[in-house]
Amino acid sequence: MLRYAILCLSLFHLACLTCNGGEKEKKAVEGYRKAAEQGDAKAQLDLARCYSGGKGVARDEKKAIQWSRKAAEQGGHQAQLDLGWRYGNGKGVARDPKQAVVWYRKSAEQGNASAQYNLYHCYSHGTGVEKDDAEAVAWCRKAADQGYVSAQYALGLCYSEGKGVEKDDAEAVAWYRKAAEQGQASAQYALGRRYYKGLGVERDYEQMIIWYRKAAEQGQASAQYALGKRYAWGQGVEQDYQQAMKWQRKAAAQGQREAMFEIGHLYATGAGVAENDVEARKWYIKAAEKGYARAQCELGWHFAHAELAGIDHIKAVKWYRKAADQDYYRAWYYLGRCYAEGKGVEQDDQQAVSWYRKAVEKKHPRAEFHLGKCYAEGKGVDQDDEQAVSLFRKAAEHGHAEAQYSLGLRYDIGLGFEQDREEALQWYRKAAERGYAEAQSNLGFAYADGDGVDQSDEEAAQWWLKAAKQDHALAQYRMGVCYYEGRGVHKDLLTAKE
């Protein structure tokens, strides 16, 4: 027995020569083989790895599986893990997920964390066993409790989604943190999102940035995108469009379609870069071609409105349709507008109504307003003031300024319900505060005449001035009169002439 131990010790000393560099590799293999042929499980596994990697011997997966099996059948948990992986991936044997589970289980029951984590995946996806989320979590927890970082992150996901366990945001954060503190980039990103949303922790933008940055610096694309967004918005960091562009480019270089869209948006708005519709369209196309519905819809709008990059209504409709096919409801509204105006498609009020109606189901304010107009004017539907008013009200309550003005106008003239000046002024004010020029002008007249409000030349002038700055002709005329007569403003004949 002593002689065997001494032999093994000397052989393993030889085998410790790393598997790189010609003669050393061959001598290492000789050492492994001698020990393996005497039944040493570790040597058998090392020899299997040499055959699998072609280190010191010609690559031979069949011999690799033979030696791996010998070690596994002796109860070596690393060999059992290796054999399970080979069955799971069809490496040296025909792929057999059930056999993979058999060997993973043998290894996992000996406490091998990698095998436990692999069993989690098998149960989570129903690979080689019947899908069982609770059993998946049980194995994941065993690995996580041993500090296996991927399992810690996976357990955080389980608690986040309520998969196999009761949803628990605090527990999700706890496991994400364990993995994040070990440097796991996806866990760092997930923890950053938790701080951003205030889920399981107090909302803390400073902590959000810390974890996003850690993940982003490791090349985690979603974190790079998120960090770029925070720089663009000035959330948790000082607003810096150059930094925003820097991180979005890093994410886009990894194929992150949302980042491609954001780069397009920065070019379209001239945020941190010279405004460039051609460059914006290029990036929108990249994101859209990756199937990003928001980019497809924005690209449709860009083809319909961005003159410097070239108007093409047919292409606009094409991209709206792609987004609409993904149930992106803003594209439903835009398709409705295309049919209503006959741009890129043959004009068709009934088709317009059909698309508006779909968007209305998602409470899209502009769709509510335009469908209301269809009912008011009898376009594509039977004329119906009651339906029109109902839709105008929905749009108005959802903050659509023109709908608020239209509702105010109907109350003012008594169209669709009893005349009510007070109610009309309330809706005019809502629309005016959202910048709708016609409503601002009407409020100006109300204050000038003391009609439904206390008379005030100053208030009248303020509202007319807001409308005049939007090129509202009547408001511009009234402001000229105000400056000429000094009503509500200091008299100023030069400004009056302007």
Protein backbone atom coordinates (compact mmCIF):
# COMPACT_ATOMS: atom_id res chain seq x y z
CA MET A 1 0.00 0.00 0.00
CA LEU A 2 2.88 2.31 0.90
CA ARG A 3 4.62 1.48 -2.40
CA TYR A 4 1.41 2.40 -4.28
CA ALA A 5 1.14 5.69 -2.46
CA ILE A 6 4.78 6.54 -3.20
CA LEU A 7 4.29 5.60 -6.87
CA CYS A 8 1.21 7.80 -7.12
CA LEU A 9 3.04 10.67 -5.45
CA SER A 10 5.96 10.49 -7.88
CA LEU A 11 3.63 10.11 -10.85
CA PHE A 12 1.54 13.12 -9.79
CA HIS A 13 4.73 15.15 -9.36
CA LEU A 14 5.46 14.36 -12.99
CA ALA A 15 1.86 15.05 -13.97
CA CYS A 16 1.93 18.49 -12.40
CA LEU A 17 3.85 19.64 -15.43
CA THR A 18 1.30 21.84 -17.19
CA CYS A 19 -0.25 20.74 -20.45
CA ASN A 20 1.71 23.11 -22.67
CA GLY A 21 4.95 22.69 -24.45
CA GLY A 22 5.83 19.52 -26.36
CA GLU A 23 7.92 17.08 -24.29
CA LYS A 24 6.54 18.31 -20.97
CA GLU A 25 3.00 17.62 -22.15
CA LYS A 26 3.94 14.13 -23.30
CA LYS A 27 5.65 13.35 -19.98
CA ALA A 28 2.63 14.65 -18.11
CA VAL A 29 0.39 12.35 -20.14
CA GLU A 30 2.71 9.40 -19.39
CA GLY A 31 2.43 10.17 -15.70
CA TYR A 32 -1.35 10.46 -15.86
CA ARG A 33 -1.60 7.23 -17.84
CA LYS A 34 0.47 5.19 -15.39
CA ALA A 35 -1.57 6.40 -12.43
CA ALA A 36 -4.84 6.08 -14.37
CA GLU A 37 -4.10 2.48 -15.36
CA GLN A 38 -3.60 1.70 -11.67
CA GLY A 39 -7.10 3.04 -10.99
CA ASP A 40 -6.40 6.56 -9.76
CA ALA A 41 -9.61 8.51 -10.46
CA LYS A 42 -8.02 11.96 -10.56
CA ALA A 43 -5.38 10.80 -13.04
CA GLN A 44 -8.10 9.20 -15.16
CA LEU A 45 -9.95 12.53 -15.33
CA ASP A 46 -6.75 14.46 -16.11
CA LEU A 47 -5.94 12.00 -18.87
CA ALA A 48 -9.46 12.41 -20.27
CA ARG A 49 -8.92 16.16 -20.37
CA CYS A 50 -5.61 15.74 -22.21
CA TYR A 51 -7.32 13.59 -24.84
CA SER A 52 -10.17 16.08 -25.11
CA GLY A 53 -7.84 19.04 -25.50
CA GLY A 54 -5.16 17.34 -27.57
CA LYS A 55 -2.49 18.12 -24.95
CA GLY A 56 0.46 15.73 -25.17
CA VAL A 57 -1.60 13.31 -27.26
CA ALA A 58 -3.64 13.45 -30.43
CA ARG A 59 -7.13 14.76 -29.73
CA ASP A 60 -9.45 11.78 -29.26
CA GLU A 61 -12.90 12.34 -27.80
CA LYS A 62 -13.68 8.62 -27.61
CA LYS A 63 -10.68 7.98 -25.39
CA ALA A 64 -11.54 11.12 -23.43
CA ILE A 65 -15.00 9.74 -22.67
CA GLN A 66 -13.57 6.31 -21.76
CA TRP A 67 -11.23 7.73 -19.14
CA SER A 68 -13.80 10.21 -17.90
CA ARG A 69 -16.30 7.36 -17.41
CA LYS A 70 -13.73 5.27 -15.50
CA ALA A 71 -13.14 8.14 -13.10
CA ALA A 72 -16.86 8.87 -12.78
CA GLU A 73 -17.72 5.27 -12.03
CA GLN A 74 -15.24 5.38 -9.16
CA GLY A 75 -17.27 8.22 -7.64
CA GLY A 76 -15.10 11.18 -8.58
CA HIS A 77 -17.48 14.13 -8.48
CA GLN A 78 -15.44 16.22 -10.95
CA ALA A 79 -15.43 13.31 -13.39
CA GLN A 80 -19.16 12.83 -12.89
CA LEU A 81 -19.65 16.52 -13.67
CA ASP A 82 -17.45 16.17 -16.75
CA LEU A 83 -19.37 13.13 -17.95
CA GLY A 84 -22.67 14.89 -17.40
CA TRP A 85 -21.42 17.85 -19.42
CA ARG A 86 -20.35 15.53 -22.23
CA TYR A 87 -23.78 13.90 -22.40
CA GLY A 88 -25.45 17.30 -22.17
CA ASN A 89 -23.41 18.74 -25.04
CA GLY A 90 -22.82 15.63 -27.17
CA LYS A 91 -19.07 15.82 -26.65
CA GLY A 92 -17.54 12.41 -27.45
CA VAL A 93 -20.94 10.72 -27.07
CA ALA A 94 -24.37 11.11 -28.59
CA ARG A 95 -26.20 13.92 -26.83
CA ASP A 96 -28.38 12.44 -24.09
CA PRO A 97 -29.93 14.97 -21.66
CA LYS A 98 -31.29 12.20 -19.41
CA GLN A 99 -27.83 10.68 -18.95
CA ALA A 100 -26.49 14.16 -18.34
CA VAL A 101 -28.93 14.53 -15.45
CA VAL A 102 -27.92 11.13 -14.05
CA TRP A 103 -24.27 12.14 -13.82
CA TYR A 104 -24.94 15.70 -12.72
CA ARG A 105 -27.05 14.32 -9.88
CA LYS A 106 -24.29 11.93 -8.74
CA SER A 107 -21.85 14.81 -8.64
CA ALA A 108 -24.33 17.26 -7.11
CA GLU A 109 -25.18 14.86 -4.29
CA GLN A 110 -21.50 14.91 -3.37
CA GLY A 111 -21.73 18.69 -3.03
CA ASN A 112 -20.25 19.74 -6.36
CA ALA A 113 -21.56 23.30 -6.83
CA SER A 114 -21.14 23.32 -10.63
CA ALA A 115 -23.18 20.13 -10.89
CA GLN A 116 -25.83 21.55 -8.57
CA TYR A 117 -26.05 24.65 -10.76
CA ASN A 118 -26.29 22.50 -13.90
CA LEU A 119 -29.13 20.52 -12.32
CA TYR A 120 -30.87 23.83 -11.65
CA HIS A 121 -30.74 24.54 -15.38
CA CYS A 122 -32.00 21.06 -16.25
CA TYR A 123 -35.04 21.37 -13.96
CA SER A 124 -35.62 25.01 -14.92
CA HIS A 125 -35.81 24.22 -18.64
CA GLY A 126 -37.12 20.66 -18.48
CA THR A 127 -33.94 19.28 -20.09
CA GLY A 128 -33.53 15.57 -19.37
CA VAL A 129 -36.11 15.78 -16.58
CA GLU A 130 -39.65 17.04 -16.20
CA LYS A 131 -39.66 20.81 -15.73
CA ASP A 132 -39.90 21.61 -12.01
CA ASP A 133 -39.20 25.18 -10.89
CA ALA A 134 -39.26 24.34 -7.19
CA GLU A 135 -36.71 21.54 -7.65
CA ALA A 136 -34.64 23.87 -9.81
CA VAL A 137 -34.53 26.45 -7.02
CA ALA A 138 -33.59 23.79 -4.46
CA TRP A 139 -30.47 22.84 -6.45
CA CYS A 140 -29.69 26.45 -7.27
CA ARG A 141 -29.78 27.32 -3.57
CA LYS A 142 -27.34 24.51 -2.72
CA ALA A 143 -24.85 25.92 -5.19
CA ALA A 144 -25.50 29.52 -4.15
CA ASP A 145 -24.95 28.67 -0.49
CA GLN A 146 -21.48 27.47 -1.47
CA GLY A 147 -20.74 30.86 -3.01
CA TYR A 148 -21.15 29.72 -6.62
CA VAL A 149 -21.59 33.12 -8.24
CA SER A 150 -23.73 32.12 -11.23
CA ALA A 151 -26.11 30.33 -8.88
CA GLN A 152 -26.35 33.39 -6.64
CA TYR A 153 -27.32 35.52 -9.61
CA ALA A 154 -29.78 32.87 -10.83
CA LEU A 155 -31.38 32.65 -7.40
CA GLY A 156 -31.80 36.41 -7.44
CA LEU A 157 -33.62 36.05 -10.76
CA CYS A 158 -35.88 33.36 -9.30
CA TYR A 159 -36.90 35.63 -6.41
CA SER A 160 -37.29 38.58 -8.80
CA GLU A 161 -39.66 36.66 -11.08
CA GLY A 162 -41.34 34.45 -8.46
CA LYS A 163 -40.13 31.38 -10.33
CA GLY A 164 -40.04 28.31 -8.08
CA VAL A 165 -40.31 30.53 -5.02
CA GLU A 166 -42.66 33.25 -3.83
CA LYS A 167 -41.71 36.58 -5.40
CA ASP A 168 -39.57 38.50 -2.92
CA ASP A 169 -37.80 41.69 -3.99
CA ALA A 170 -35.69 41.92 -0.83
CA GLU A 171 -34.41 38.35 -1.29
CA ALA A 172 -33.71 39.07 -4.95
CA VAL A 173 -31.58 42.03 -3.93
CA ALA A 174 -29.74 39.97 -1.30
CA TRP A 175 -28.70 37.33 -3.83
CA TYR A 176 -27.91 39.83 -6.56
CA ARG A 177 -25.68 41.64 -4.08
CA LYS A 178 -23.77 38.44 -3.18
CA ALA A 179 -23.06 37.79 -6.85
CA ALA A 180 -22.37 41.45 -7.61
CA GLU A 181 -19.81 41.69 -4.82
CA GLN A 182 -18.01 38.75 -6.44
CA GLY A 183 -17.82 40.78 -9.63
CA GLN A 184 -20.63 39.13 -11.61
CA ALA A 185 -21.51 41.78 -14.22
CA SER A 186 -25.13 40.75 -14.84
CA ALA A 187 -25.78 40.79 -11.10
CA GLN A 188 -24.22 44.24 -10.83
CA TYR A 189 -26.52 45.48 -13.57
CA ALA A 190 -29.55 43.84 -11.93
CA LEU A 191 -28.66 45.44 -8.60
CA GLY A 192 -28.32 48.81 -10.31
CA ARG A 193 -31.81 48.42 -11.78
CA ARG A 194 -33.17 47.59 -8.33
CA TYR A 195 -31.76 50.85 -6.98
CA TYR A 196 -33.19 52.68 -10.01
CA LYS A 197 -36.69 51.30 -9.51
CA GLY A 198 -36.64 51.10 -5.71
CA LEU A 199 -37.49 47.39 -5.70
CA GLY A 200 -36.34 45.59 -2.56
CA VAL A 201 -34.24 48.64 -1.63
CA GLU A 202 -34.83 52.35 -1.21
CA ARG A 203 -34.52 54.14 -4.53
CA ASP A 204 -30.97 55.48 -4.68
CA TYR A 205 -29.61 56.92 -7.90
CA GLU A 206 -26.09 57.20 -6.51
CA GLN A 207 -25.99 53.46 -5.78
CA MET A 208 -27.63 52.81 -9.14
CA ILE A 209 -24.77 54.57 -10.91
CA ILE A 210 -22.13 52.74 -8.86
CA TRP A 211 -23.44 49.31 -9.87
CA TYR A 212 -24.25 50.25 -13.45
CA ARG A 213 -20.72 51.56 -13.85
CA LYS A 214 -19.12 48.40 -12.38
CA ALA A 215 -21.08 46.24 -14.83
CA ALA A 216 -20.55 48.61 -17.76
CA GLU A 217 -16.80 48.67 -17.23
CA GLN A 218 -16.83 44.89 -17.49
CA GLY A 219 -18.49 45.20 -20.87
CA GLN A 220 -22.07 44.34 -19.82
CA ALA A 221 -24.04 45.82 -22.74
CA SER A 222 -27.33 46.45 -20.91
CA ALA A 223 -25.45 48.31 -18.18
CA GLN A 224 -23.60 50.39 -20.77
CA TYR A 225 -26.93 51.31 -22.34
CA ALA A 226 -28.48 52.12 -18.95
CA LEU A 227 -25.48 54.23 -17.91
CA GLY A 228 -25.69 56.12 -21.17
CA LYS A 229 -29.37 56.86 -20.54
CA ARG A 230 -28.61 58.17 -17.06
CA TYR A 231 -26.00 60.55 -18.48
CA ALA A 232 -28.50 61.74 -21.09
CA TRP A 233 -31.14 62.39 -18.43
CA GLY A 234 -28.83 63.61 -15.68
CA GLN A 235 -30.05 60.94 -13.27
CA GLY A 236 -27.56 60.16 -10.51
CA VAL A 237 -24.86 61.97 -12.52
CA GLU A 238 -24.48 65.42 -14.01
CA GLN A 239 -26.08 65.51 -17.45
CA ASP A 240 -23.38 64.85 -20.03
CA TYR A 241 -24.37 63.99 -23.59
CA GLN A 242 -20.79 63.16 -24.57
CA GLN A 243 -20.68 60.50 -21.86
CA ALA A 244 -24.12 59.35 -22.95
CA MET A 245 -22.89 58.88 -26.51
CA LYS A 246 -19.70 57.14 -25.33
CA TRP A 247 -21.58 54.45 -23.39
CA GLN A 248 -24.27 54.00 -26.03
CA ARG A 249 -21.58 53.40 -28.64
CA LYS A 250 -19.95 50.76 -26.45
CA ALA A 251 -23.30 48.99 -26.04
CA ALA A 252 -24.16 49.36 -29.73
CA ALA A 253 -20.81 47.81 -30.69
CA GLN A 254 -22.03 44.67 -28.90
CA GLY A 255 -25.24 44.67 -30.93
CA GLN A 256 -27.43 46.28 -28.24
CA ARG A 257 -30.35 47.52 -30.34
CA GLU A 258 -31.73 49.92 -27.72
CA ALA A 259 -28.35 51.66 -27.67
CA MET A 260 -28.45 51.96 -31.47
CA PHE A 261 -31.83 53.65 -31.14
CA GLU A 262 -30.51 56.06 -28.49
CA ILE A 263 -27.58 57.05 -30.70
CA GLY A 264 -30.08 57.81 -33.44
CA HIS A 265 -32.12 59.89 -31.01
CA LEU A 266 -29.04 61.88 -29.91
CA TYR A 267 -28.28 62.70 -33.56
CA ALA A 268 -31.92 63.52 -34.29
CA THR A 269 -32.15 65.98 -31.39
CA GLY A 270 -28.61 67.33 -31.61
CA ALA A 271 -27.90 66.35 -28.00
CA GLY A 272 -24.13 66.43 -27.48
CA VAL A 273 -23.51 66.16 -31.23
CA ALA A 274 -24.37 68.26 -34.26
CA GLU A 275 -27.95 67.56 -35.27
CA ASN A 276 -27.80 65.17 -38.21
CA ASP A 277 -30.93 63.52 -39.59
CA VAL A 278 -28.95 61.39 -42.02
CA GLU A 279 -26.81 59.93 -39.22
CA ALA A 280 -29.91 59.56 -37.02
CA ARG A 281 -31.67 57.55 -39.71
CA LYS A 282 -28.64 55.30 -40.14
CA TRP A 283 -28.79 54.32 -36.46
CA TYR A 284 -32.58 54.00 -36.42
CA ILE A 285 -32.26 51.56 -39.33
CA LYS A 286 -29.65 49.50 -37.45
CA ALA A 287 -31.95 49.19 -34.45
CA ALA A 288 -35.06 48.62 -36.55
CA GLU A 289 -33.44 45.85 -38.56
CA LYS A 290 -32.74 44.06 -35.29
CA GLY A 291 -36.49 43.96 -34.68
CA TYR A 292 -36.73 46.77 -32.11
CA ALA A 293 -40.33 47.92 -32.41
CA ARG A 294 -39.75 51.37 -30.94
CA ALA A 295 -37.01 52.01 -33.50
CA GLN A 296 -39.22 50.70 -36.31
CA CYS A 297 -41.96 53.13 -35.35
CA GLU A 298 -39.53 56.04 -34.97
CA LEU A 299 -37.97 55.17 -38.31
CA GLY A 300 -41.42 55.29 -39.88
CA TRP A 301 -41.95 58.75 -38.40
CA HIS A 302 -38.51 59.80 -39.61
CA PHE A 303 -39.28 58.75 -43.18
CA ALA A 304 -42.55 60.69 -42.94
CA HIS A 305 -41.15 63.93 -41.49
CA ALA A 306 -37.35 64.31 -41.62
CA GLU A 307 -36.94 66.38 -44.77
CA LEU A 308 -33.14 66.65 -44.60
CA ALA A 309 -32.82 62.85 -44.70
CA GLY A 310 -35.48 62.51 -47.39
CA ILE A 311 -39.24 61.98 -47.14
CA ASP A 312 -40.58 58.60 -48.25
CA HIS A 313 -44.13 57.84 -47.12
CA ILE A 314 -44.12 54.33 -48.57
CA LYS A 315 -41.10 53.42 -46.46
CA ALA A 316 -42.74 55.13 -43.49
CA VAL A 317 -45.74 52.82 -43.82
CA LYS A 318 -43.46 49.80 -44.21
CA TRP A 319 -41.74 50.46 -40.88
CA TYR A 320 -44.97 51.40 -39.09
CA ARG A 321 -46.35 48.02 -40.17
CA LYS A 322 -43.33 46.16 -38.81
CA ALA A 323 -43.77 47.87 -35.45
CA ALA A 324 -47.54 47.33 -35.57
CA ASP A 325 -47.00 43.62 -36.19
CA GLN A 326 -45.20 43.54 -32.83
CA ASP A 327 -48.24 45.17 -31.18
CA TYR A 328 -46.44 48.48 -30.74
CA TYR A 329 -49.56 50.55 -30.31
CA ARG A 330 -48.04 53.93 -31.27
CA ALA A 331 -47.49 52.45 -34.74
CA TRP A 332 -51.20 51.59 -34.87
CA TYR A 333 -51.98 55.28 -34.41
CA TYR A 334 -49.50 56.35 -37.09
CA LEU A 335 -50.92 53.82 -39.55
CA GLY A 336 -54.32 55.31 -38.86
CA ARG A 337 -52.95 58.74 -39.75
CA CYS A 338 -51.41 57.37 -42.96
CA TYR A 339 -54.76 55.95 -44.08
CA ALA A 340 -56.63 59.10 -43.05
CA GLU A 341 -54.29 61.32 -45.07
CA GLY A 342 -53.56 58.87 -47.90
CA LYS A 343 -49.80 59.04 -47.33
CA GLY A 344 -47.91 55.93 -48.38
CA VAL A 345 -51.21 54.10 -48.86
CA GLU A 346 -54.48 54.73 -50.64
CA GLN A 347 -56.69 57.02 -48.56
CA ASP A 348 -59.19 54.94 -46.61
CA ASP A 349 -61.20 56.34 -43.68
CA GLN A 350 -62.45 52.93 -42.62
CA GLN A 351 -58.90 51.60 -42.38
CA ALA A 352 -57.94 54.73 -40.45
CA VAL A 353 -60.76 54.08 -37.98
CA SER A 354 -59.71 50.45 -37.64
CA TRP A 355 -56.14 51.38 -36.68
CA TYR A 356 -57.24 54.23 -34.40
CA ARG A 357 -59.59 51.86 -32.63
CA LYS A 358 -56.76 49.42 -31.88
CA ALA A 359 -54.65 52.22 -30.41
CA VAL A 360 -57.60 53.53 -28.41
CA GLU A 361 -57.81 50.16 -26.67
CA LYS A 362 -54.33 50.98 -25.33
CA LYS A 363 -55.52 54.45 -24.23
CA HIS A 364 -53.42 56.30 -26.78
CA PRO A 365 -54.51 59.98 -26.42
CA ARG A 366 -53.92 61.05 -30.02
CA ALA A 367 -55.78 58.00 -31.31
CA GLU A 368 -58.66 58.82 -28.97
CA PHE A 369 -58.76 62.37 -30.29
CA HIS A 370 -58.61 61.42 -33.98
CA LEU A 371 -61.17 58.67 -33.60
CA GLY A 372 -63.35 61.27 -31.89
CA LYS A 373 -62.94 63.52 -34.94
CA CYS A 374 -63.98 60.62 -37.18
CA TYR A 375 -67.21 60.26 -35.20
CA ALA A 376 -67.73 64.02 -35.14
CA GLU A 377 -67.32 64.29 -38.93
CA GLY A 378 -68.77 60.91 -39.91
CA LYS A 379 -65.55 59.74 -41.56
CA GLY A 380 -65.23 55.95 -41.74
CA VAL A 381 -68.07 55.62 -39.22
CA ASP A 382 -71.62 56.89 -38.83
CA GLN A 383 -71.62 60.42 -37.45
CA ASP A 384 -72.15 60.27 -33.67
CA ASP A 385 -71.64 63.33 -31.44
CA GLU A 386 -72.05 61.29 -28.29
CA GLN A 387 -69.18 58.98 -29.26
CA ALA A 388 -67.12 61.95 -30.40
CA VAL A 389 -67.53 63.72 -27.05
CA SER A 390 -66.77 60.53 -25.13
CA LEU A 391 -63.51 60.06 -27.04
CA PHE A 392 -62.56 63.74 -26.80
CA ARG A 393 -63.03 63.52 -23.05
CA LYS A 394 -60.84 60.41 -22.79
CA ALA A 395 -58.10 62.08 -24.80
CA ALA A 396 -58.44 65.29 -22.80
CA GLU A 397 -58.20 63.41 -19.51
CA HIS A 398 -55.07 61.74 -20.84
CA GLY A 399 -53.52 65.16 -21.42
CA HIS A 400 -54.08 65.70 -25.16
CA ALA A 401 -54.09 69.50 -25.57
CA GLU A 402 -56.15 69.70 -28.78
CA ALA A 403 -58.75 67.38 -27.28
CA GLN A 404 -58.91 69.61 -24.22
CA TYR A 405 -59.43 72.63 -26.44
CA SER A 406 -62.07 70.80 -28.53
CA LEU A 407 -63.92 69.76 -25.41
CA GLY A 408 -63.79 73.35 -24.16
CA LEU A 409 -65.12 74.62 -27.48
CA ARG A 410 -68.04 72.16 -27.37
CA TYR A 411 -68.96 73.31 -23.87
CA ASP A 412 -68.64 76.90 -25.05
CA ILE A 413 -71.08 76.56 -27.94
CA GLY A 414 -73.22 73.76 -26.48
CA LEU A 415 -72.35 71.10 -29.04
CA GLY A 416 -73.01 67.60 -27.74
CA PHE A 417 -74.18 68.80 -24.31
CA GLU A 418 -75.58 71.82 -22.51
CA GLN A 419 -73.65 75.07 -22.93
CA ASP A 420 -71.36 75.72 -19.93
CA ARG A 421 -68.92 78.64 -20.06
CA GLU A 422 -67.28 77.74 -16.74
CA GLU A 423 -66.57 74.18 -17.89
CA ALA A 424 -65.35 75.51 -21.25
CA LEU A 425 -62.83 77.79 -19.54
CA GLN A 426 -61.51 74.95 -17.41
CA TRP A 427 -60.70 72.92 -20.50
CA TYR A 428 -59.30 75.96 -22.34
CA ARG A 429 -56.97 76.53 -19.40
CA LYS A 430 -55.77 72.91 -19.38
CA ALA A 431 -55.02 73.11 -23.11
CA ALA A 432 -53.40 76.54 -22.76
CA GLU A 433 -51.12 75.31 -19.98
CA ARG A 434 -49.99 72.52 -22.31
CA GLY A 435 -49.06 75.13 -24.90
CA TYR A 436 -52.05 74.96 -27.27
CA ALA A 437 -52.08 78.36 -28.97
CA GLU A 438 -55.79 78.54 -29.85
CA ALA A 439 -56.71 77.90 -26.22
CA GLN A 440 -54.21 80.53 -25.05
CA SER A 441 -55.78 83.04 -27.41
CA ASN A 442 -59.29 82.22 -26.18
CA LEU A 443 -58.19 82.66 -22.56
CA GLY A 444 -56.73 86.02 -23.51
CA PHE A 445 -60.11 87.15 -24.83
CA ALA A 446 -61.89 85.80 -21.76
CA TYR A 447 -59.66 87.90 -19.45
CA ALA A 448 -59.86 90.94 -21.71
CA ASP A 449 -63.68 90.87 -21.65
CA GLY A 450 -64.13 89.51 -18.12
CA ASP A 451 -66.14 86.69 -19.67
CA GLY A 452 -66.37 83.88 -17.08
CA VAL A 453 -63.31 85.20 -15.23
CA ASP A 454 -62.38 88.42 -13.44
CA GLN A 455 -61.38 91.01 -16.02
CA SER A 456 -57.60 91.46 -16.21
CA ASP A 457 -55.67 93.16 -19.00
CA GLU A 458 -52.44 91.75 -17.57
CA GLU A 459 -53.71 88.16 -17.72
CA ALA A 460 -55.11 88.74 -21.19
CA ALA A 461 -51.74 90.05 -22.41
CA GLN A 462 -49.85 87.15 -20.86
CA TRP A 463 -51.98 84.55 -22.64
CA TRP A 464 -51.99 86.41 -25.96
CA LEU A 465 -48.21 86.74 -25.76
CA LYS A 466 -47.82 82.97 -25.30
CA ALA A 467 -50.00 82.33 -28.35
CA ALA A 468 -48.30 85.08 -30.38
CA LYS A 469 -44.90 83.44 -29.84
CA GLN A 470 -46.36 80.39 -31.60
CA ASP A 471 -47.26 82.56 -34.61
CA HIS A 472 -50.97 82.72 -33.77
CA ALA A 473 -52.04 85.57 -36.05
CA LEU A 474 -54.99 86.89 -34.02
CA ALA A 475 -52.97 86.82 -30.79
CA GLN A 476 -50.15 88.69 -32.54
CA TYR A 477 -52.65 91.36 -33.62
CA ARG A 478 -54.07 91.65 -30.09
CA MET A 479 -50.56 91.99 -28.62
CA GLY A 480 -49.90 94.80 -31.11
CA VAL A 481 -53.01 96.58 -29.81
CA CYS A 482 -51.92 95.96 -26.19
CA TYR A 483 -48.48 97.52 -26.79
CA TYR A 484 -50.02 100.40 -28.76
CA GLU A 485 -52.57 101.21 -26.06
CA GLY A 486 -50.51 100.09 -23.06
CA ARG A 487 -53.16 97.58 -21.99
CA GLY A 488 -51.73 94.93 -19.66
CA VAL A 489 -48.20 95.86 -20.77
CA HIS A 490 -46.08 99.00 -20.88
CA LYS A 491 -46.93 101.13 -23.87
CA ASP A 492 -44.36 100.50 -26.61
CA LEU A 493 -45.07 101.74 -30.13
CA LEU A 494 -42.01 100.06 -31.66
CA THR A 495 -43.01 96.66 -30.31
CA ALA A 496 -46.60 97.34 -31.36
CA LYS A 497 -45.43 97.78 -34.97
CA GLU A 498 -43.56 94.47 -34.86
